Amino acid sequence: MSARRLVARVATFLALPTLLHAQGFRSADSVIRRMYQVGMQESQVERLGQVLIDSIGPRLSGTTGFTNAGTWLERTYRSFGIPVRREQYGTWRGWQHGTVHMQLIAPRLQNLEVEILAWSPGTPGGRPVEGDVVVIPPLADTAAASAWLKTVRGKFVLLTAPELMCRAPQELERNARPATIAALNARRSEARVTAQQRIQSLVPPNTPVADRQAVVYRRLDEAGVMGVGTLTWSNGWGVNKIFGASTERAPSLDISCEDYGLLHRLASNGQGPRVRLTAEAQAAPTEVPMFNVVAELKGTELPNEYVLLSAHLDSWHGATGATDNGTGTLTMLEAMRILKQAYPNPRRTILVGHWGGEEQGAIGSLSFGEDHPDVIDGLQVAFNQDNGTWRVELLEGQGFLGASANLARWVAQLPSSMTDSVQLQLPGPQANSGSDHTSFLCRGAPAFRLQSSYSEYRQYTWHTNRDTWDKVVLDDLKQNATMAAMLAYAASEDRERTPRTQATLEVPGGAARPWPRCSTARRSFRPR
């Protein structure tokens, strides 16, 4: 170490007591203090996060991006000296895509902003194709629907309703008259009803509700359409939610709010829109392995009791999965690094689970619960993080009546600078769903969310084409990782097991809420 670096480290060490006092430390606990130094003064989240989110990028189930991320995690844990393993839980459909480009070529030229939907087919051989753009017209009956389907071979079909205005709602609320907003919303509602009625006109009578969407896409595929365009606008400037395809032959694309509206207006007004599409995409001939990455610090006194840090590794592919759930992945990875340096010999075993397939229904964590009843039985607590950036602001008791004292006791050990914005909701909404914590709640095991602010996340980065590294607030990510490590330490050292007593909570109407039941983990895309 150079003399300059040595002086800097000594200066930091000497200044640490003053710094910790300023951060509101309530305790003289040397482990907590060491964690603060490692997590806040020696953080690795920026270095690690840039690699995961920029270099590896999106981590869609069944793609090399997900596999590469798992390999990187294993290598990183080994570099920290933390034992790690890959646990395959099943398979999923493999898929890769390359160039995707769409251009309006009539009545004028314009490049269009599009994203291919996950697992979509590409154009034949990845070569460019051209076709007219059409919308579903009013169709009086089944015969009219069948007749129209005979006209769409080689054409690009716009399936969903357009947005009449692509301004963020908060801009309208700030600047427009209430009457303007009311009129716009009425027109939007009418457009959506009309689009849904036209889609349903393609569904034969007596088709079960659960099968209707699949039937529409199958009929379009069989009719030989060039492609299908949809819009899932996320109510923000330039932001769409990007999910999976339902077609098996024709390419499926999400089109930006602005460009979808342009194409829809041109087609609806008979102005002859025509597009050129290139879409390179290829499905694997067989399903590919899917797995969880699990790292472990073995307990010294109670090795068969567990504290679990939890986050899903997979993402959608429209951007790079920065806040869903790169930030959760980094929070738990960094927490384990902090624990290894400050608390390498925990009282209870500390596990971290980086789950696969959360976006397909929490498959990885459900599989882990099925495969590890010993961990479920011995679980002291699980902490899950899966909603974006910003500081943790809410800890819900998830309906565990007796666990409230434990959770409050652990939080009380944290410095006030980490908890001044945290609300404890105890015993909390019963089994609040939405992420991998539910895979443990449904088994009666205490699992809590480290929950950050939701509103902007839902609008701008959750499942969208704008979920990129630049959205991450690094100071908050450092704090969240350090908090997760401190909570894991406090839970590991707690002399009391976390009770599993469930609160009897009422729902509107007065009935007690039943505790959720676990679904069976789906181990492959097509059940064998």
Protein backbone atom coordinates (compact mmCIF):
# COMPACT_ATOMS: atom_id res chain seq x y z
CA MET A 1 0.00 0.00 0.00
CA SER A 2 1.34 3.45 -0.91
CA ALA A 3 2.14 5.97 1.85
CA ARG A 4 -0.64 8.23 0.56
CA ARG A 5 -3.24 5.45 0.72
CA LEU A 6 -2.03 4.41 4.18
CA VAL A 7 -2.41 7.97 5.50
CA ALA A 8 -5.89 8.18 3.98
CA ARG A 9 -6.98 4.87 5.59
CA VAL A 10 -5.61 5.92 8.98
CA ALA A 11 -7.36 9.29 8.72
CA THR A 12 -10.64 7.57 7.90
CA PHE A 13 -10.24 5.20 10.84
CA LEU A 14 -9.48 8.03 13.27
CA ALA A 15 -12.44 10.07 12.01
CA LEU A 16 -14.85 7.14 12.11
CA PRO A 17 -16.15 7.62 15.69
CA THR A 18 -17.09 11.23 14.93
CA LEU A 19 -18.66 10.21 11.63
CA LEU A 20 -20.67 7.42 13.25
CA HIS A 21 -21.89 9.73 16.00
CA ALA A 22 -23.07 12.17 13.36
CA GLN A 23 -24.99 9.37 11.65
CA GLY A 24 -27.01 8.72 14.80
CA PHE A 25 -25.54 5.44 16.04
CA ARG A 26 -27.51 4.24 19.06
CA SER A 27 -25.17 1.42 19.96
CA ALA A 28 -21.49 0.83 20.59
CA ASP A 29 -21.80 -2.49 18.69
CA SER A 30 -18.46 -2.92 16.95
CA VAL A 31 -19.95 -5.11 14.20
CA ILE A 32 -22.56 -2.49 13.27
CA ARG A 33 -19.86 0.16 13.22
CA ARG A 34 -17.58 -1.97 11.07
CA MET A 35 -20.47 -2.65 8.67
CA TYR A 36 -21.05 1.05 8.28
CA GLN A 37 -17.43 1.61 7.38
CA VAL A 38 -17.31 -1.26 4.87
CA GLY A 39 -20.68 -0.48 3.30
CA MET A 40 -20.71 3.30 3.24
CA GLN A 41 -17.03 4.24 3.12
CA GLU A 42 -15.70 1.31 1.10
CA SER A 43 -18.72 0.53 -1.08
CA GLN A 44 -18.34 -1.63 -4.18
CA VAL A 45 -21.85 -1.13 -5.60
CA GLU A 46 -20.87 1.32 -8.34
CA ARG A 47 -18.09 -0.91 -9.68
CA LEU A 48 -20.19 -4.06 -9.46
CA GLY A 49 -23.39 -2.46 -10.74
CA GLN A 50 -21.86 -0.97 -13.86
CA VAL A 51 -20.62 -4.42 -14.88
CA LEU A 52 -23.92 -6.19 -14.18
CA ILE A 53 -26.22 -3.62 -15.72
CA ASP A 54 -24.16 -2.11 -18.55
CA SER A 55 -21.85 -4.93 -19.59
CA ILE A 56 -24.00 -8.02 -18.95
CA GLY A 57 -27.25 -6.12 -19.47
CA PRO A 58 -30.76 -7.61 -19.66
CA ARG A 59 -31.26 -10.99 -18.03
CA LEU A 60 -34.38 -12.46 -19.63
CA SER A 61 -35.13 -16.05 -18.63
CA GLY A 62 -33.84 -18.47 -21.24
CA THR A 63 -31.21 -16.14 -22.69
CA THR A 64 -27.42 -16.01 -22.50
CA GLY A 65 -27.77 -12.73 -20.60
CA PHE A 66 -29.30 -14.57 -17.65
CA THR A 67 -26.69 -17.34 -17.80
CA ASN A 68 -23.84 -14.83 -18.03
CA ALA A 69 -25.18 -12.94 -15.02
CA GLY A 70 -25.26 -16.14 -12.98
CA THR A 71 -21.70 -16.97 -13.95
CA TRP A 72 -20.59 -13.45 -13.02
CA LEU A 73 -22.31 -13.70 -9.62
CA GLU A 74 -20.61 -17.00 -8.86
CA ARG A 75 -17.21 -15.60 -9.83
CA THR A 76 -17.79 -12.47 -7.75
CA TYR A 77 -18.80 -14.38 -4.64
CA ARG A 78 -15.74 -16.58 -4.94
CA SER A 79 -13.56 -13.48 -5.18
CA PHE A 80 -15.09 -12.40 -1.83
CA GLY A 81 -14.25 -15.79 -0.31
CA ILE A 82 -17.93 -16.69 0.04
CA PRO A 83 -19.06 -20.25 -0.85
CA VAL A 84 -21.59 -20.19 -3.70
CA ARG A 85 -23.52 -22.74 -5.71
CA ARG A 86 -25.81 -22.89 -8.73
CA GLU A 87 -29.05 -24.78 -8.19
CA GLN A 88 -30.91 -25.73 -11.35
CA TYR A 89 -34.64 -25.83 -10.74
CA GLY A 90 -35.90 -26.47 -14.27
CA THR A 91 -35.80 -25.18 -17.83
CA TRP A 92 -37.31 -22.41 -19.92
CA ARG A 93 -37.62 -21.60 -23.59
CA GLY A 94 -34.34 -20.33 -24.99
CA TRP A 95 -34.29 -17.24 -27.20
CA GLN A 96 -31.96 -14.62 -28.59
CA HIS A 97 -32.58 -11.55 -30.72
CA GLY A 98 -30.38 -9.31 -32.82
CA THR A 99 -31.18 -6.33 -35.01
CA VAL A 100 -34.75 -5.06 -34.80
CA HIS A 101 -35.66 -2.11 -37.00
CA MET A 102 -38.90 -0.73 -38.40
CA GLN A 103 -39.26 2.11 -40.86
CA LEU A 104 -42.33 3.86 -42.20
CA ILE A 105 -41.86 3.87 -45.99
CA ALA A 106 -45.23 5.31 -47.09
CA PRO A 107 -46.79 7.84 -47.24
CA ARG A 108 -43.36 9.18 -46.19
CA LEU A 109 -40.10 7.99 -44.62
CA GLN A 110 -39.51 7.82 -40.86
CA ASN A 111 -37.59 5.51 -38.55
CA LEU A 112 -39.88 4.11 -35.84
CA GLU A 113 -39.06 3.28 -32.21
CA VAL A 114 -39.88 -0.37 -31.58
CA GLU A 115 -38.95 -3.22 -29.23
CA ILE A 116 -39.40 -6.89 -30.08
CA LEU A 117 -41.42 -8.72 -27.45
CA ALA A 118 -39.75 -11.51 -25.49
CA TRP A 119 -39.58 -14.90 -27.24
CA SER A 120 -41.10 -13.44 -30.43
CA PRO A 121 -40.28 -14.99 -33.80
CA GLY A 122 -38.28 -12.84 -36.17
CA THR A 123 -38.79 -12.06 -39.83
CA PRO A 124 -37.89 -15.01 -42.14
CA GLY A 125 -34.13 -15.43 -41.99
CA GLY A 126 -33.87 -12.09 -40.22
CA ARG A 127 -34.31 -10.38 -43.58
CA PRO A 128 -36.36 -7.20 -44.15
CA VAL A 129 -40.02 -7.55 -45.15
CA GLU A 130 -42.51 -4.91 -46.22
CA GLY A 131 -46.24 -4.64 -45.79
CA ASP A 132 -49.23 -2.35 -45.36
CA VAL A 133 -50.36 -1.37 -41.86
CA VAL A 134 -53.98 -2.09 -40.93
CA VAL A 135 -56.24 -1.87 -37.89
CA ILE A 136 -59.11 -4.20 -37.08
CA PRO A 137 -62.29 -2.69 -38.57
CA PRO A 138 -65.79 -3.03 -37.12
CA LEU A 139 -66.82 -6.65 -37.73
CA ALA A 140 -70.51 -7.47 -37.50
CA ASP A 141 -70.30 -11.22 -36.91
CA THR A 142 -68.18 -14.37 -37.16
CA ALA A 143 -68.52 -14.48 -40.94
CA ALA A 144 -67.26 -10.88 -41.25
CA ALA A 145 -64.31 -11.69 -38.98
CA SER A 146 -63.38 -14.71 -41.11
CA ALA A 147 -63.67 -12.65 -44.28
CA TRP A 148 -61.43 -9.90 -42.88
CA LEU A 149 -58.78 -12.40 -41.78
CA LYS A 150 -58.50 -13.53 -45.42
CA THR A 151 -57.36 -10.00 -46.36
CA VAL A 152 -54.46 -9.56 -43.94
CA ARG A 153 -51.81 -11.91 -45.34
CA GLY A 154 -48.53 -10.01 -45.59
CA LYS A 155 -49.87 -7.01 -43.63
CA PHE A 156 -48.83 -5.54 -40.30
CA VAL A 157 -51.76 -5.49 -37.85
CA LEU A 158 -52.11 -2.94 -35.04
CA LEU A 159 -53.98 -4.78 -32.33
CA THR A 160 -54.44 -2.49 -29.33
CA ALA A 161 -55.91 0.97 -28.83
CA PRO A 162 -53.73 4.02 -29.49
CA GLU A 163 -53.05 6.64 -26.86
CA LEU A 164 -54.61 9.96 -27.83
CA MET A 165 -51.92 11.92 -25.99
CA CYS A 166 -48.47 10.76 -24.92
CA ARG A 167 -47.92 13.38 -22.24
CA ALA A 168 -47.24 12.21 -18.68
CA PRO A 169 -50.49 12.56 -16.66
CA GLN A 170 -48.86 14.77 -14.05
CA GLU A 171 -48.10 17.33 -16.78
CA LEU A 172 -51.75 17.48 -17.73
CA GLU A 173 -52.80 17.77 -14.10
CA ARG A 174 -50.38 20.65 -13.63
CA ASN A 175 -51.20 22.62 -16.77
CA ALA A 176 -54.56 21.67 -18.29
CA ARG A 177 -58.08 22.69 -17.34
CA PRO A 178 -60.09 20.00 -15.53
CA ALA A 179 -62.61 20.01 -18.39
CA THR A 180 -59.82 19.29 -20.87
CA ILE A 181 -58.62 16.34 -18.81
CA ALA A 182 -62.13 14.97 -18.39
CA ALA A 183 -62.84 15.16 -22.13
CA LEU A 184 -59.52 13.48 -22.97
CA ASN A 185 -60.13 10.67 -20.50
CA ALA A 186 -63.60 10.09 -21.92
CA ARG A 187 -62.15 9.78 -25.43
CA ARG A 188 -59.44 7.44 -24.16
CA SER A 189 -62.01 5.21 -22.50
CA GLU A 190 -64.07 5.10 -25.69
CA ALA A 191 -61.01 4.20 -27.78
CA ARG A 192 -60.09 1.35 -25.44
CA VAL A 193 -63.63 -0.05 -25.43
CA THR A 194 -63.75 0.13 -29.22
CA ALA A 195 -60.40 -1.64 -29.59
CA GLN A 196 -61.40 -4.37 -27.16
CA GLN A 197 -64.71 -4.95 -28.95
CA ARG A 198 -62.91 -5.30 -32.27
CA ILE A 199 -60.38 -7.73 -30.82
CA GLN A 200 -63.19 -9.80 -29.32
CA SER A 201 -64.90 -9.95 -32.70
CA LEU A 202 -62.07 -12.27 -33.78
CA VAL A 203 -62.94 -14.75 -31.03
CA PRO A 204 -65.36 -17.53 -32.04
CA PRO A 205 -68.48 -17.90 -29.87
CA ASN A 206 -68.24 -20.11 -26.78
CA THR A 207 -64.45 -19.70 -26.49
CA PRO A 208 -63.49 -19.90 -22.77
CA VAL A 209 -62.40 -16.55 -21.36
CA ALA A 210 -58.95 -17.88 -20.43
CA ASP A 211 -58.29 -18.90 -24.05
CA ARG A 212 -59.48 -15.77 -25.87
CA GLN A 213 -56.16 -13.95 -26.14
CA ALA A 214 -54.38 -17.06 -27.40
CA VAL A 215 -57.14 -17.62 -29.96
CA VAL A 216 -56.81 -14.08 -31.37
CA TYR A 217 -53.04 -14.42 -31.84
CA ARG A 218 -53.38 -17.89 -33.30
CA ARG A 219 -55.90 -16.68 -35.87
CA LEU A 220 -53.61 -13.81 -36.87
CA ASP A 221 -50.68 -16.23 -37.18
CA GLU A 222 -52.75 -18.60 -39.31
CA ALA A 223 -53.91 -15.71 -41.49
CA GLY A 224 -50.29 -15.04 -42.43
CA VAL A 225 -49.87 -11.52 -41.06
CA MET A 226 -46.45 -9.94 -41.50
CA GLY A 227 -46.38 -8.92 -37.85
CA VAL A 228 -48.41 -7.67 -34.90
CA GLY A 229 -47.95 -4.32 -33.20
CA THR A 230 -49.12 -3.47 -29.68
CA LEU A 231 -48.74 -0.57 -27.29
CA THR A 232 -48.30 -0.83 -23.52
CA TRP A 233 -47.63 2.78 -22.61
CA SER A 234 -46.41 3.46 -19.08
CA ASN A 235 -47.87 6.97 -18.71
CA GLY A 236 -44.50 8.69 -19.00
CA TRP A 237 -42.39 10.48 -21.58
CA GLY A 238 -40.97 7.89 -24.00
CA VAL A 239 -41.61 4.91 -21.77
CA ASN A 240 -43.39 1.63 -22.54
CA LYS A 241 -43.66 -1.63 -20.67
CA ILE A 242 -42.13 -4.53 -22.60
CA PHE A 243 -43.42 -8.04 -21.97
CA GLY A 244 -43.65 -11.31 -23.90
CA ALA A 245 -45.04 -12.31 -27.28
CA SER A 246 -48.15 -14.39 -27.88
CA THR A 247 -47.48 -15.15 -31.55
CA GLU A 248 -45.64 -18.26 -32.71
CA ARG A 249 -44.99 -17.36 -36.39
CA ALA A 250 -45.31 -13.61 -36.88
CA PRO A 251 -43.03 -11.08 -35.17
CA SER A 252 -44.61 -9.23 -32.23
CA LEU A 253 -43.47 -5.67 -31.56
CA ASP A 254 -44.11 -3.03 -28.96
CA ILE A 255 -44.20 0.38 -30.67
CA SER A 256 -43.56 3.69 -28.92
CA CYS A 257 -46.61 5.68 -27.87
CA GLU A 258 -45.92 8.39 -30.44
CA ASP A 259 -45.18 6.07 -33.36
CA TYR A 260 -48.06 3.71 -32.60
CA GLY A 261 -50.42 6.67 -32.63
CA LEU A 262 -48.96 7.84 -35.94
CA LEU A 263 -49.43 4.44 -37.60
CA HIS A 264 -52.92 4.03 -36.16
CA ARG A 265 -54.07 7.46 -37.40
CA LEU A 266 -52.64 6.87 -40.87
CA ALA A 267 -54.32 3.46 -41.14
CA SER A 268 -57.65 4.63 -39.68
CA ASN A 269 -57.79 7.57 -42.09
CA GLY A 270 -57.00 5.49 -45.18
CA GLN A 271 -53.66 7.19 -45.82
CA GLY A 272 -51.83 4.04 -46.89
CA PRO A 273 -49.17 3.44 -44.23
CA ARG A 274 -46.58 0.88 -45.21
CA VAL A 275 -43.59 -0.33 -43.16
CA ARG A 276 -40.33 -2.18 -43.65
CA LEU A 277 -39.41 -4.51 -40.78
CA THR A 278 -36.19 -6.35 -39.97
CA ALA A 279 -36.30 -8.59 -36.91
CA GLU A 280 -33.53 -11.04 -36.08
CA ALA A 281 -34.75 -13.49 -33.47
CA GLN A 282 -34.19 -17.16 -32.89
CA ALA A 283 -35.66 -19.67 -30.48
CA ALA A 284 -33.52 -22.49 -29.12
CA PRO A 285 -34.51 -25.96 -30.41
CA THR A 286 -34.91 -27.20 -26.84
CA GLU A 287 -35.54 -25.57 -23.49
CA VAL A 288 -32.46 -24.29 -21.66
CA PRO A 289 -31.50 -24.70 -17.98
CA MET A 290 -32.75 -22.19 -15.42
CA PHE A 291 -31.25 -21.84 -11.97
CA ASN A 292 -30.89 -19.94 -8.73
CA VAL A 293 -27.54 -18.69 -7.42
CA VAL A 294 -27.20 -19.34 -3.68
CA ALA A 295 -24.31 -18.13 -1.50
CA GLU A 296 -23.79 -18.99 2.15
CA LEU A 297 -22.06 -17.97 5.36
CA LYS A 298 -22.38 -21.01 7.62
CA GLY A 299 -23.72 -20.49 11.13
CA THR A 300 -21.42 -21.33 14.01
CA GLU A 301 -23.98 -21.90 16.80
CA LEU A 302 -27.25 -22.53 14.95
CA PRO A 303 -26.25 -23.76 11.48
CA ASN A 304 -29.73 -25.17 10.84
CA GLU A 305 -31.45 -21.85 11.40
CA TYR A 306 -31.35 -19.36 8.54
CA VAL A 307 -31.40 -15.70 7.70
CA LEU A 308 -32.14 -15.32 3.98
CA LEU A 309 -31.33 -12.32 1.79
CA SER A 310 -33.49 -12.46 -1.33
CA ALA A 311 -33.62 -10.79 -4.77
CA HIS A 312 -34.39 -11.96 -8.28
CA LEU A 313 -31.66 -11.98 -10.92
CA ASP A 314 -33.80 -12.20 -14.04
CA SER A 315 -35.27 -9.17 -15.83
CA TRP A 316 -37.26 -8.24 -18.87
CA HIS A 317 -35.24 -7.35 -21.95
CA GLY A 318 -36.60 -3.98 -23.11
CA ALA A 319 -33.79 -2.18 -21.26
CA THR A 320 -31.07 -3.47 -18.92
CA GLY A 321 -33.06 -4.36 -15.80
CA ALA A 322 -31.37 -1.71 -13.66
CA THR A 323 -34.05 -1.19 -11.01
CA ASP A 324 -35.94 -4.43 -11.64
CA ASN A 325 -34.04 -6.02 -10.24
CA GLY A 326 -30.40 -5.08 -10.71
CA THR A 327 -30.58 -2.88 -7.62
CA GLY A 328 -32.00 -5.71 -5.51
CA THR A 329 -29.34 -8.08 -6.83
CA LEU A 330 -26.61 -5.57 -5.97
CA THR A 331 -28.11 -4.82 -2.56
CA MET A 332 -27.85 -8.46 -1.52
CA LEU A 333 -24.50 -9.11 -3.22
CA GLU A 334 -22.96 -6.10 -1.47
CA ALA A 335 -24.66 -7.03 1.82
CA MET A 336 -22.95 -10.41 1.71
CA ARG A 337 -19.58 -8.75 1.01
CA ILE A 338 -20.12 -6.50 4.05
CA LEU A 339 -21.13 -9.48 6.19
CA LYS A 340 -18.07 -11.46 5.10
CA GLN A 341 -15.77 -8.63 6.18
CA ALA A 342 -17.55 -7.57 9.37
CA TYR A 343 -19.35 -10.73 10.54
CA PRO A 344 -17.73 -13.74 8.85
CA ASN A 345 -18.82 -16.28 11.48
CA PRO A 346 -22.54 -15.68 12.00
CA ARG A 347 -24.53 -17.28 14.80
CA ARG A 348 -27.17 -18.51 12.35
CA THR A 349 -26.48 -19.47 8.72
CA ILE A 350 -26.89 -16.51 6.37
CA LEU A 351 -27.98 -17.37 2.84
CA VAL A 352 -28.53 -15.21 -0.18
CA GLY A 353 -30.84 -16.33 -3.00
CA HIS A 354 -30.57 -14.74 -6.43
CA TRP A 355 -33.69 -16.17 -8.04
CA GLY A 356 -34.43 -17.01 -11.63
CA GLY A 357 -37.84 -16.75 -13.26
CA GLU A 358 -39.43 -14.20 -10.92
CA GLU A 359 -40.94 -12.43 -13.92
CA GLN A 360 -42.62 -15.69 -14.92
CA GLY A 361 -44.33 -16.14 -11.56
CA ALA A 362 -41.61 -16.35 -8.88
CA ILE A 363 -40.60 -19.74 -10.25
CA GLY A 364 -37.08 -19.78 -8.83
CA SER A 365 -38.01 -18.90 -5.26
CA LEU A 366 -41.04 -21.20 -5.31
CA SER A 367 -38.78 -24.02 -6.47
CA PHE A 368 -36.29 -23.23 -3.71
CA GLY A 369 -39.06 -23.47 -1.13
CA GLU A 370 -40.17 -26.83 -2.54
CA ASP A 371 -36.61 -28.17 -2.70
CA HIS A 372 -35.44 -26.91 0.72
CA PRO A 373 -38.04 -27.67 3.40
CA ASP A 374 -35.16 -27.61 5.90
CA VAL A 375 -34.55 -23.94 5.17
CA ILE A 376 -38.26 -23.15 5.43
CA ASP A 377 -38.47 -24.95 8.78
CA GLY A 378 -35.37 -23.22 10.12
CA LEU A 379 -36.01 -19.78 8.65
CA GLN A 380 -35.49 -16.99 11.16
CA VAL A 381 -36.37 -14.38 8.55
CA ALA A 382 -36.08 -13.52 4.86
CA PHE A 383 -35.49 -9.98 3.59
CA ASN A 384 -36.45 -9.38 -0.05
CA GLN A 385 -35.66 -6.31 -2.16
CA ASP A 386 -37.36 -5.85 -5.53
CA ASN A 387 -38.64 -2.40 -6.31
CA GLY A 388 -36.24 0.02 -7.73
CA THR A 389 -33.93 2.64 -6.39
CA TRP A 390 -34.33 5.23 -3.59
CA ARG A 391 -33.90 4.50 0.10
CA VAL A 392 -35.88 1.80 1.87
CA GLU A 393 -38.90 3.59 3.30
CA LEU A 394 -41.29 0.85 4.44
CA LEU A 395 -41.00 -2.39 6.36
CA GLU A 396 -44.29 -4.28 6.63
CA GLY A 397 -44.83 -7.02 9.17
CA GLN A 398 -46.69 -8.99 6.48
CA GLY A 399 -49.36 -10.06 8.96
CA PHE A 400 -47.05 -11.89 11.39
CA LEU A 401 -48.41 -10.84 14.76
CA GLY A 402 -45.56 -12.05 16.97
CA ALA A 403 -42.78 -11.03 14.59
CA SER A 404 -43.39 -7.34 15.19
CA ALA A 405 -41.20 -7.28 18.28
CA ASN A 406 -38.30 -8.97 16.48
CA LEU A 407 -38.49 -6.65 13.48
CA ALA A 408 -38.67 -3.54 15.64
CA ARG A 409 -35.76 -4.80 17.76
CA TRP A 410 -33.57 -5.31 14.68
CA VAL A 411 -34.40 -1.93 13.19
CA ALA A 412 -33.64 -0.27 16.53
CA GLN A 413 -30.01 -1.33 16.19
CA LEU A 414 -29.52 0.65 12.98
CA PRO A 415 -28.16 4.22 12.90
CA SER A 416 -30.86 6.87 12.73
CA SER A 417 -29.53 8.10 9.37
CA MET A 418 -30.77 4.81 7.91
CA THR A 419 -34.11 4.73 9.65
CA ASP A 420 -35.25 8.36 9.73
CA SER A 421 -37.30 7.78 6.58
CA VAL A 422 -38.39 4.19 7.38
CA GLN A 423 -41.96 3.45 8.40
CA LEU A 424 -42.67 0.25 10.31
CA GLN A 425 -46.12 -1.13 9.57
CA LEU A 426 -46.87 -3.76 12.20
CA PRO A 427 -48.27 -6.33 11.94
CA GLY A 428 -48.80 -4.93 8.44
CA PRO A 429 -51.00 -5.95 5.52
CA GLN A 430 -51.38 -9.69 5.53
CA ALA A 431 -49.23 -11.37 2.89
CA ASN A 432 -48.75 -8.33 0.67
CA SER A 433 -47.93 -9.92 -2.67
CA GLY A 434 -45.85 -8.99 -5.67
CA SER A 435 -42.43 -10.59 -5.43
CA ASP A 436 -40.36 -13.52 -4.17
CA HIS A 437 -41.18 -12.93 -0.49
CA THR A 438 -44.57 -14.52 -1.20
CA SER A 439 -42.84 -17.86 -1.90
CA PHE A 440 -41.98 -17.96 1.80
CA LEU A 441 -45.08 -16.28 3.19
CA CYS A 442 -47.27 -18.93 1.60
CA ARG A 443 -45.34 -21.51 3.63
CA GLY A 444 -45.92 -19.58 6.84
CA ALA A 445 -42.29 -18.42 7.05
CA PRO A 446 -41.54 -14.79 7.99
CA ALA A 447 -40.40 -12.82 4.95
CA PHE A 448 -40.31 -9.04 4.75
CA ARG A 449 -39.82 -6.57 1.93
CA LEU A 450 -37.24 -3.79 2.01
CA GLN A 451 -39.55 -1.47 0.13
CA SER A 452 -38.58 1.74 -1.62
CA SER A 453 -40.79 4.42 -3.17
CA TYR A 454 -43.19 2.96 -5.74
CA SER A 455 -44.83 5.72 -7.78
CA GLU A 456 -41.98 6.80 -10.07
CA TYR A 457 -40.69 3.22 -10.25
CA ARG A 458 -44.03 1.96 -11.50
CA GLN A 459 -44.29 4.73 -14.04
CA TYR A 460 -40.79 4.95 -15.44
CA THR A 461 -38.64 1.86 -14.81
CA TRP A 462 -40.74 -1.16 -13.76
CA HIS A 463 -40.66 -3.52 -16.79
CA THR A 464 -39.92 -0.64 -19.16
CA ASN A 465 -37.61 0.32 -22.00
CA ARG A 466 -36.03 3.00 -19.77
CA ASP A 467 -34.83 0.81 -16.89
CA THR A 468 -31.15 1.64 -17.28
CA TRP A 469 -28.07 2.25 -15.11
CA ASP A 470 -28.45 6.04 -15.12
CA LYS A 471 -31.67 5.69 -13.07
CA VAL A 472 -29.86 4.17 -10.06
CA VAL A 473 -29.30 6.45 -7.05
CA LEU A 474 -25.93 5.19 -5.83
CA ASP A 475 -26.01 6.81 -2.38
CA ASP A 476 -29.31 5.08 -1.64
CA LEU A 477 -28.06 1.77 -3.04
CA LYS A 478 -25.06 1.90 -0.69
CA GLN A 479 -27.36 2.59 2.25
CA ASN A 480 -29.82 -0.17 1.33
CA ALA A 481 -27.04 -2.74 1.03
CA THR A 482 -25.56 -1.70 4.36
CA MET A 483 -29.00 -1.81 5.97
CA ALA A 484 -29.62 -5.31 4.62
CA ALA A 485 -26.30 -6.49 6.09
CA MET A 486 -27.09 -4.92 9.47
CA LEU A 487 -30.57 -6.44 9.58
CA ALA A 488 -29.15 -9.86 8.68
CA TYR A 489 -26.64 -9.52 11.50
CA ALA A 490 -29.27 -8.45 14.02
CA ALA A 491 -31.58 -11.30 13.02
CA SER A 492 -28.76 -13.82 13.15
CA GLU A 493 -27.74 -12.76 16.66
CA ASP A 494 -31.29 -12.48 18.05
CA ARG A 495 -31.69 -14.82 21.02
CA GLU A 496 -35.35 -15.34 20.13
CA ARG A 497 -36.74 -17.21 17.14
CA THR A 498 -39.10 -15.12 15.04
CA PRO A 499 -42.66 -16.21 15.90
CA ARG A 500 -44.90 -17.34 13.06
CA THR A 501 -48.18 -16.42 14.70
CA GLN A 502 -50.47 -15.02 12.02
CA ALA A 503 -52.65 -12.01 12.67
CA THR A 504 -56.34 -12.37 11.97
CA LEU A 505 -56.93 -9.42 9.70
CA GLU A 506 -60.19 -8.34 8.14
CA VAL A 507 -60.89 -7.24 4.61
CA PRO A 508 -63.63 -4.77 3.57
CA GLY A 509 -66.87 -6.45 4.49
CA GLY A 510 -65.54 -7.88 7.71
CA ALA A 511 -64.37 -11.36 6.68
CA ALA A 512 -61.02 -12.68 7.90
CA ARG A 513 -58.43 -13.02 5.17
CA PRO A 514 -57.25 -16.55 4.44
CA TRP A 515 -53.47 -17.01 4.49
CA PRO A 516 -52.15 -17.49 0.94
CA ARG A 517 -51.41 -20.94 -0.40
CA CYS A 518 -48.35 -21.79 -2.43
CA SER A 519 -48.77 -22.54 -6.09
CA THR A 520 -46.67 -25.36 -7.53
CA ALA A 521 -43.48 -24.08 -9.14
CA ARG A 522 -43.61 -24.25 -12.92
CA ARG A 523 -40.41 -26.09 -13.82
CA SER A 524 -40.57 -25.65 -17.59
CA PHE A 525 -42.30 -23.50 -20.20
CA ARG A 526 -44.18 -26.48 -21.61
CA PRO A 527 -45.06 -28.98 -18.89
CA ARG A 528 -43.69 -32.40 -19.72
